């Protein structure tokens, strides 16, 4: 069986000292406030962490709002994880496709440019030879030399 006992509040019925009671003549309200503030600071547990203080704030919100915020957070984090996963896979596909298609194309393009430069150089050499020795035929590599007529 539970027994209830009433505990009287001693400060509730105590008389308060003030300037009319012949107490301290230099009493002012600012010193009272500063002493109250210092007693409040000392009443806070020194081993309480910031995390414990933040988790204690959850009681401010009703359970329905906490559920709403929790579901919203879960949805946003799920969408964000999906988007990051998809973008990573898409980046992998684009970069590997670019390497597989771009490198051979670049090499073929460079080879074509070299061939065009060689052809242009050969044409310039041929035109230079024609200017220097008019009427002379330049023997191309792989061609047989013309036979003189008898």
N, C-alpha and C. Protein backbone atom coordinates (compact mmCIF):
# COMPACT_ATOMS: atom_id res chain seq x y z
N UNK A 1 0.83 -1.17 0.00
CA UNK A 1 0.00 0.00 0.00
C UNK A 1 0.88 1.24 0.00
N UNK A 2 0.44 2.26 -0.71
CA UNK A 2 1.21 3.49 -0.86
C UNK A 2 0.70 4.50 0.15
N UNK A 3 1.66 5.14 0.80
CA UNK A 3 1.31 6.14 1.79
C UNK A 3 1.78 7.50 1.30
N UNK A 4 0.88 8.46 1.25
CA UNK A 4 1.19 9.80 0.79
C UNK A 4 1.44 10.70 1.98
N UNK A 5 2.47 11.51 1.88
CA UNK A 5 2.79 12.44 2.95
C UNK A 5 2.96 13.82 2.35
N UNK A 6 2.36 14.82 2.92
CA UNK A 6 2.45 16.18 2.42
C UNK A 6 3.69 16.83 3.01
N UNK A 7 4.47 17.42 2.11
CA UNK A 7 5.68 18.11 2.54
C UNK A 7 5.44 19.60 2.38
N UNK A 8 5.46 20.35 3.48
CA UNK A 8 5.19 21.79 3.38
C UNK A 8 6.39 22.52 2.78
N UNK A 9 6.08 23.57 2.03
CA UNK A 9 7.12 24.39 1.43
C UNK A 9 7.52 25.45 2.45
N UNK A 10 8.75 25.39 2.90
CA UNK A 10 9.20 26.30 3.95
C UNK A 10 9.31 27.73 3.45
N UNK A 11 9.69 27.91 2.21
CA UNK A 11 9.87 29.26 1.68
C UNK A 11 8.54 29.93 1.36
N UNK A 12 7.48 29.15 1.23
CA UNK A 12 6.18 29.73 0.91
C UNK A 12 5.65 30.56 2.07
N UNK A 13 5.87 30.08 3.27
CA UNK A 13 5.32 30.75 4.45
C UNK A 13 6.35 31.64 5.14
N UNK A 14 7.58 31.66 4.66
CA UNK A 14 8.62 32.48 5.30
C UNK A 14 8.41 33.95 4.95
N UNK A 15 8.75 34.82 5.87
CA UNK A 15 8.63 36.25 5.61
C UNK A 15 9.86 36.71 4.85
N UNK A 16 9.64 37.69 4.03
CA UNK A 16 10.74 38.21 3.23
C UNK A 16 11.29 39.47 3.90
N UNK A 17 12.62 39.53 3.88
CA UNK A 17 13.27 40.71 4.42
C UNK A 17 13.32 41.77 3.34
N UNK A 18 13.16 42.96 3.69
CA UNK A 18 13.23 44.06 2.74
C UNK A 18 13.77 45.30 3.41
N UNK A 19 13.77 46.43 2.70
CA UNK A 19 14.29 47.66 3.29
C UNK A 19 13.46 48.13 4.49
N UNK A 20 12.19 47.81 4.54
CA UNK A 20 11.35 48.24 5.66
C UNK A 20 11.64 47.44 6.91
N UNK A 21 12.20 46.25 6.80
CA UNK A 21 12.49 45.40 7.95
C UNK A 21 13.79 45.78 8.63
N UNK A 22 14.47 46.77 8.13
CA UNK A 22 15.73 47.18 8.73
C UNK A 22 16.88 46.32 8.28
N UNK A 23 16.74 45.74 7.08
CA UNK A 23 17.82 44.90 6.56
C UNK A 23 18.92 45.76 5.96
N UNK A 24 19.59 45.26 4.97
CA UNK A 24 20.68 45.97 4.32
C UNK A 24 20.15 47.22 3.62
N UNK A 25 20.79 48.35 3.89
CA UNK A 25 20.37 49.60 3.26
C UNK A 25 20.86 49.71 1.82
N UNK A 26 21.95 48.99 1.46
CA UNK A 26 22.49 49.09 0.12
C UNK A 26 21.98 47.98 -0.80
N UNK A 27 20.87 47.37 -0.46
CA UNK A 27 20.27 46.30 -1.28
C UNK A 27 19.67 46.92 -2.53
N UNK A 28 19.96 46.32 -3.69
CA UNK A 28 19.33 46.75 -4.92
C UNK A 28 18.91 45.54 -5.75
N UNK A 29 18.11 45.78 -6.73
CA UNK A 29 17.54 44.70 -7.52
C UNK A 29 18.59 44.01 -8.40
N UNK A 30 19.61 44.74 -8.87
CA UNK A 30 20.62 44.17 -9.77
C UNK A 30 21.44 43.10 -9.07
N UNK A 31 21.78 43.31 -7.81
CA UNK A 31 22.57 42.29 -7.11
C UNK A 31 21.75 41.04 -6.88
N UNK A 32 20.45 41.21 -6.68
CA UNK A 32 19.58 40.05 -6.49
C UNK A 32 19.49 39.23 -7.77
N UNK A 33 19.38 39.91 -8.92
CA UNK A 33 19.28 39.21 -10.19
C UNK A 33 20.58 38.48 -10.50
N UNK A 34 21.71 39.11 -10.25
CA UNK A 34 22.98 38.46 -10.56
C UNK A 34 23.20 37.25 -9.68
N UNK A 35 22.77 37.29 -8.44
CA UNK A 35 22.95 36.13 -7.58
C UNK A 35 22.00 35.01 -8.00
N UNK A 36 20.79 35.37 -8.46
CA UNK A 36 19.87 34.35 -8.94
C UNK A 36 20.41 33.69 -10.20
N UNK A 37 21.01 34.49 -11.11
CA UNK A 37 21.55 33.95 -12.35
C UNK A 37 22.71 33.00 -12.05
N UNK A 38 23.55 33.37 -11.09
CA UNK A 38 24.67 32.49 -10.77
C UNK A 38 24.19 31.20 -10.13
N UNK A 39 23.11 31.25 -9.36
CA UNK A 39 22.60 30.01 -8.77
C UNK A 39 21.94 29.13 -9.83
N UNK A 40 21.34 29.75 -10.87
CA UNK A 40 20.75 28.97 -11.96
C UNK A 40 21.83 28.26 -12.77
N UNK A 41 22.94 28.94 -13.02
CA UNK A 41 24.02 28.33 -13.79
C UNK A 41 24.62 27.16 -13.02
N UNK A 42 24.74 27.30 -11.72
CA UNK A 42 25.32 26.22 -10.93
C UNK A 42 24.38 25.03 -10.81
N UNK A 43 23.06 25.26 -11.03
CA UNK A 43 22.12 24.14 -10.92
C UNK A 43 22.13 23.25 -12.15
N UNK A 44 22.69 23.72 -13.30
CA UNK A 44 22.78 22.90 -14.50
C UNK A 44 23.86 21.86 -14.29
N UNK A 45 23.55 20.63 -14.66
CA UNK A 45 24.52 19.55 -14.48
C UNK A 45 25.75 19.82 -15.35
N UNK A 46 26.95 19.78 -14.79
CA UNK A 46 28.15 20.08 -15.59
C UNK A 46 28.50 18.98 -16.58
N UNK A 47 28.02 17.77 -16.35
CA UNK A 47 28.36 16.68 -17.25
C UNK A 47 27.34 16.50 -18.38
N UNK A 48 26.40 17.43 -18.51
CA UNK A 48 25.39 17.35 -19.57
C UNK A 48 26.03 17.80 -20.88
N UNK A 49 25.88 16.97 -21.92
CA UNK A 49 26.48 17.29 -23.21
C UNK A 49 25.48 18.03 -24.09
N UNK A 50 25.98 18.56 -25.19
CA UNK A 50 25.13 19.27 -26.14
C UNK A 50 24.11 18.31 -26.76
N UNK A 51 24.53 17.08 -27.03
CA UNK A 51 23.63 16.08 -27.60
C UNK A 51 22.46 15.82 -26.65
N UNK A 52 22.73 15.71 -25.37
CA UNK A 52 21.66 15.47 -24.40
C UNK A 52 20.70 16.65 -24.34
N UNK A 53 21.23 17.85 -24.47
CA UNK A 53 20.36 19.02 -24.45
C UNK A 53 19.46 19.05 -25.69
N UNK A 54 20.03 18.70 -26.85
CA UNK A 54 19.24 18.71 -28.08
C UNK A 54 18.18 17.61 -28.04
N UNK A 55 18.53 16.44 -27.56
CA UNK A 55 17.55 15.36 -27.49
C UNK A 55 16.44 15.68 -26.48
N UNK A 56 16.75 16.48 -25.47
CA UNK A 56 15.71 16.88 -24.53
C UNK A 56 14.72 17.85 -25.18
N UNK A 57 15.12 18.51 -26.24
CA UNK A 57 14.23 19.45 -26.93
C UNK A 57 13.15 18.75 -27.74
N UNK A 58 13.29 17.44 -27.94
CA UNK A 58 12.29 16.74 -28.74
C UNK A 58 10.92 16.74 -28.08
N UNK A 59 10.89 16.95 -26.78
CA UNK A 59 9.60 16.97 -26.09
C UNK A 59 8.81 18.24 -26.39
N UNK A 60 9.41 19.21 -27.03
CA UNK A 60 8.70 20.44 -27.37
C UNK A 60 7.68 20.17 -28.47
N UNK A 61 8.03 19.30 -29.43
CA UNK A 61 7.13 19.00 -30.54
C UNK A 61 6.20 17.84 -30.18
N UNK A 62 4.95 17.93 -30.60
CA UNK A 62 4.03 16.81 -30.38
C UNK A 62 4.45 15.60 -31.22
N UNK A 63 4.04 14.40 -30.82
CA UNK A 63 4.44 13.19 -31.54
C UNK A 63 4.04 13.19 -33.02
N UNK A 64 2.89 13.78 -33.36
CA UNK A 64 2.46 13.78 -34.77
C UNK A 64 3.42 14.61 -35.62
N UNK A 65 3.87 15.75 -35.11
CA UNK A 65 4.84 16.56 -35.86
C UNK A 65 6.20 15.87 -35.91
N UNK A 66 6.59 15.19 -34.83
CA UNK A 66 7.87 14.47 -34.85
C UNK A 66 7.84 13.37 -35.90
N UNK A 67 6.71 12.66 -36.01
CA UNK A 67 6.58 11.62 -37.03
C UNK A 67 6.66 12.23 -38.43
N UNK A 68 5.99 13.37 -38.63
CA UNK A 68 6.02 14.05 -39.92
C UNK A 68 7.45 14.43 -40.30
N UNK A 69 8.18 15.05 -39.37
CA UNK A 69 9.56 15.45 -39.65
C UNK A 69 10.45 14.23 -39.87
N UNK A 70 10.20 13.17 -39.13
CA UNK A 70 11.00 11.95 -39.30
C UNK A 70 10.76 11.33 -40.67
N UNK A 71 9.49 11.24 -41.08
CA UNK A 71 9.18 10.70 -42.40
C UNK A 71 9.73 11.58 -43.51
N UNK A 72 9.62 12.90 -43.33
CA UNK A 72 10.16 13.83 -44.33
C UNK A 72 11.67 13.66 -44.45
N UNK A 73 12.35 13.55 -43.34
CA UNK A 73 13.80 13.34 -43.35
C UNK A 73 14.16 12.02 -44.03
N UNK A 74 13.41 10.97 -43.72
CA UNK A 74 13.68 9.67 -44.35
C UNK A 74 13.45 9.73 -45.86
N UNK A 75 12.37 10.39 -46.29
CA UNK A 75 12.09 10.52 -47.72
C UNK A 75 13.18 11.31 -48.44
N UNK A 76 13.56 12.44 -47.87
CA UNK A 76 14.58 13.27 -48.51
C UNK A 76 15.91 12.53 -48.57
N UNK A 77 16.28 11.85 -47.49
CA UNK A 77 17.56 11.12 -47.51
C UNK A 77 17.51 9.96 -48.49
N UNK A 78 16.36 9.31 -48.63
CA UNK A 78 16.22 8.22 -49.60
C UNK A 78 16.35 8.75 -51.03
N UNK A 79 15.66 9.85 -51.33
CA UNK A 79 15.75 10.45 -52.66
C UNK A 79 17.17 10.91 -52.96
N UNK A 80 17.83 11.49 -51.97
CA UNK A 80 19.19 11.96 -52.16
C UNK A 80 20.14 10.79 -52.42
N UNK A 81 19.99 9.71 -51.67
CA UNK A 81 20.84 8.54 -51.88
C UNK A 81 20.61 7.94 -53.27
N UNK A 82 19.35 7.88 -53.69
CA UNK A 82 19.03 7.35 -55.02
C UNK A 82 19.61 8.25 -56.11
N UNK A 83 19.47 9.55 -55.95
CA UNK A 83 20.00 10.49 -56.95
C UNK A 83 21.52 10.39 -57.04
N UNK A 84 22.19 10.31 -55.90
CA UNK A 84 23.65 10.18 -55.92
C UNK A 84 24.09 8.87 -56.56
N UNK A 85 23.37 7.80 -56.27
CA UNK A 85 23.71 6.50 -56.85
C UNK A 85 23.51 6.54 -58.37
N UNK A 86 22.38 7.08 -58.80
CA UNK A 86 22.11 7.16 -60.24
C UNK A 86 23.12 8.05 -60.95
N UNK A 87 23.44 9.20 -60.36
CA UNK A 87 24.39 10.10 -61.01
C UNK A 87 25.78 9.48 -61.07
N UNK A 88 26.17 8.71 -60.06
CA UNK A 88 27.46 8.03 -60.10
C UNK A 88 27.50 7.00 -61.22
N UNK A 89 26.43 6.24 -61.36
CA UNK A 89 26.39 5.23 -62.43
C UNK A 89 26.36 5.90 -63.81
N UNK A 90 25.60 6.98 -63.93
CA UNK A 90 25.53 7.69 -65.21
C UNK A 90 26.89 8.29 -65.56
N UNK A 91 27.58 8.83 -64.58
CA UNK A 91 28.91 9.38 -64.82
C UNK A 91 29.88 8.28 -65.27
N UNK A 92 29.77 7.10 -64.68
CA UNK A 92 30.62 5.97 -65.08
C UNK A 92 30.34 5.58 -66.54
N UNK A 93 29.07 5.50 -66.92
CA UNK A 93 28.70 5.12 -68.29
C UNK A 93 29.20 6.16 -69.28
N UNK A 94 29.00 7.44 -68.97
CA UNK A 94 29.42 8.50 -69.89
C UNK A 94 30.93 8.53 -70.03
N UNK A 95 31.65 8.43 -68.92
CA UNK A 95 33.11 8.52 -69.02
C UNK A 95 33.71 7.29 -69.71
N UNK A 96 33.21 6.10 -69.40
CA UNK A 96 33.76 4.92 -70.06
C UNK A 96 33.39 4.90 -71.55
N UNK A 97 32.18 5.34 -71.90
CA UNK A 97 31.81 5.43 -73.31
C UNK A 97 32.66 6.47 -74.03
N UNK A 98 32.92 7.56 -73.38
CA UNK A 98 33.77 8.58 -73.97
C UNK A 98 35.17 8.07 -74.23
N UNK A 99 35.69 7.30 -73.29
CA UNK A 99 37.03 6.74 -73.50
C UNK A 99 37.03 5.69 -74.60
N UNK A 100 36.03 4.82 -74.60
CA UNK A 100 36.00 3.74 -75.60
C UNK A 100 35.75 4.27 -77.01
N UNK A 101 34.98 5.34 -77.14
CA UNK A 101 34.69 5.90 -78.46
C UNK A 101 35.59 7.07 -78.82
N UNK A 102 35.95 7.86 -77.84
CA UNK A 102 36.70 9.08 -78.11
C UNK A 102 38.17 8.85 -78.41
N UNK A 103 38.81 7.94 -77.70
CA UNK A 103 40.24 7.71 -77.93
C UNK A 103 40.50 7.17 -79.34
N UNK A 104 39.80 6.13 -79.80
CA UNK A 104 40.05 5.69 -81.18
C UNK A 104 39.72 6.76 -82.22
N UNK A 105 38.64 7.50 -82.00
CA UNK A 105 38.30 8.58 -82.93
C UNK A 105 39.40 9.62 -82.96
N UNK A 106 39.92 9.99 -81.81
CA UNK A 106 41.00 10.98 -81.74
C UNK A 106 42.25 10.49 -82.45
N UNK A 107 42.60 9.22 -82.25
CA UNK A 107 43.76 8.67 -82.93
C UNK A 107 43.56 8.64 -84.45
N UNK A 108 42.38 8.24 -84.92
CA UNK A 108 42.10 8.22 -86.36
C UNK A 108 42.14 9.63 -86.93
N UNK A 109 41.62 10.59 -86.21
CA UNK A 109 41.62 11.97 -86.67
C UNK A 109 43.05 12.50 -86.79
N UNK A 110 43.88 12.20 -85.78
CA UNK A 110 45.28 12.64 -85.84
C UNK A 110 46.01 12.00 -87.02
N UNK A 111 45.74 10.72 -87.27
CA UNK A 111 46.38 10.03 -88.39
C UNK A 111 45.95 10.66 -89.72
N UNK A 112 44.68 11.00 -89.84
CA UNK A 112 44.18 11.64 -91.06
C UNK A 112 44.85 13.00 -91.26
N UNK A 113 45.01 13.75 -90.18
CA UNK A 113 45.66 15.06 -90.28
C UNK A 113 47.12 14.90 -90.71
N UNK A 114 47.79 13.86 -90.20
CA UNK A 114 49.17 13.61 -90.62
C UNK A 114 49.24 13.27 -92.11
N UNK A 115 48.32 12.46 -92.56
CA UNK A 115 48.29 12.09 -93.98
C UNK A 115 48.06 13.33 -94.86
N UNK A 116 47.13 14.18 -94.48
CA UNK A 116 46.87 15.41 -95.24
C UNK A 116 48.10 16.31 -95.25
N UNK A 117 48.79 16.40 -94.11
CA UNK A 117 50.00 17.22 -94.05
C UNK A 117 51.09 16.65 -94.94
N UNK A 118 51.23 15.32 -94.97
CA UNK A 118 52.24 14.68 -95.84
C UNK A 118 51.91 14.92 -97.31
N UNK A 119 50.63 14.80 -97.70
CA UNK A 119 50.23 15.03 -99.09
C UNK A 119 50.50 16.47 -99.49
N UNK A 120 50.21 17.40 -98.59
CA UNK A 120 50.45 18.81 -98.88
C UNK A 120 51.95 19.07 -99.02
N UNK A 121 52.75 18.44 -98.18
CA UNK A 121 54.20 18.60 -98.26
C UNK A 121 54.74 18.03 -99.58
N UNK A 122 54.19 16.88 -100.00
CA UNK A 122 54.62 16.28 -101.27
C UNK A 122 54.24 17.19 -102.45
N UNK A 123 53.04 17.79 -102.42
CA UNK A 123 52.63 18.70 -103.50
C UNK A 123 53.52 19.93 -103.55
N UNK A 124 53.87 20.44 -102.38
CA UNK A 124 54.75 21.61 -102.34
C UNK A 124 56.14 21.25 -102.88
N UNK A 125 56.64 20.06 -102.53
CA UNK A 125 57.94 19.62 -103.04
C UNK A 125 57.89 19.46 -104.54
N UNK A 126 56.81 18.90 -105.05
CA UNK A 126 56.65 18.70 -106.50
C UNK A 126 56.59 20.03 -107.21
N UNK A 127 55.84 20.98 -106.68
CA UNK A 127 55.74 22.28 -107.35
C UNK A 127 57.08 23.02 -107.27
N UNK A 128 57.83 22.85 -106.21
CA UNK A 128 59.14 23.47 -106.10
C UNK A 128 60.10 22.88 -107.12
N UNK A 129 60.07 21.56 -107.28
CA UNK A 129 60.93 20.90 -108.28
C UNK A 129 60.57 21.33 -109.70
N UNK A 130 59.30 21.53 -109.99
CA UNK A 130 58.88 21.96 -111.32
C UNK A 130 59.37 23.37 -111.61
N UNK A 131 59.40 24.20 -110.59
CA UNK A 131 59.88 25.57 -110.78
C UNK A 131 61.38 25.56 -111.01
N UNK A 132 62.10 24.73 -110.27
CA UNK A 132 63.57 24.68 -110.38
C UNK A 132 63.99 24.04 -111.70
N UNK A 133 63.45 22.88 -112.05
CA UNK A 133 63.79 22.17 -113.30
C UNK A 133 62.53 21.97 -114.11
N UNK A 134 62.19 22.90 -114.99
CA UNK A 134 60.97 22.74 -115.78
C UNK A 134 61.11 21.59 -116.76
N UNK A 135 60.03 20.85 -116.94
CA UNK A 135 60.00 19.75 -117.90
C UNK A 135 60.54 18.45 -117.34
N UNK A 136 61.17 18.44 -116.20
CA UNK A 136 61.69 17.20 -115.63
C UNK A 136 60.57 16.51 -114.88
N UNK A 137 60.55 15.22 -115.02
CA UNK A 137 59.54 14.43 -114.33
C UNK A 137 60.13 13.91 -113.03
N UNK A 138 59.37 14.03 -112.00
CA UNK A 138 59.82 13.53 -110.70
C UNK A 138 59.34 12.11 -110.57
N UNK A 139 60.28 11.26 -110.22
CA UNK A 139 59.95 9.84 -110.08
C UNK A 139 59.32 9.64 -108.71
N UNK A 140 58.09 9.15 -108.71
CA UNK A 140 57.39 8.86 -107.48
C UNK A 140 57.89 7.54 -106.92
N UNK A 141 57.89 7.38 -105.63
CA UNK A 141 58.32 6.10 -105.07
C UNK A 141 57.40 4.99 -105.56
N UNK A 142 57.99 3.89 -105.97
CA UNK A 142 57.24 2.74 -106.45
C UNK A 142 57.01 2.76 -107.95
N UNK A 143 57.37 3.82 -108.67
CA UNK A 143 57.19 3.88 -110.12
C UNK A 143 58.52 3.49 -110.80
N UNK A 144 58.41 2.90 -111.94
CA UNK A 144 59.62 2.52 -112.71
C UNK A 144 60.09 3.74 -113.49
N UNK A 145 61.40 3.83 -113.66
CA UNK A 145 61.98 4.96 -114.39
C UNK A 145 61.62 4.81 -115.87
N UNK A 146 61.29 5.90 -116.57
CA UNK A 146 60.95 5.81 -117.99
C UNK A 146 62.20 5.44 -118.82
N UNK A 147 61.98 4.62 -119.82
CA UNK A 147 63.10 4.20 -120.68
C UNK A 147 63.35 5.23 -121.77
N UNK A 148 64.58 5.49 -122.01
CA UNK A 148 64.86 6.43 -123.10
C UNK A 148 64.55 5.78 -124.47
N UNK A 149 64.09 6.56 -125.40
CA UNK A 149 63.74 6.07 -126.74
C UNK A 149 65.01 5.84 -127.53
N UNK A 150 65.10 4.77 -128.30
CA UNK A 150 66.27 4.43 -129.11
C UNK A 150 66.12 4.81 -130.51
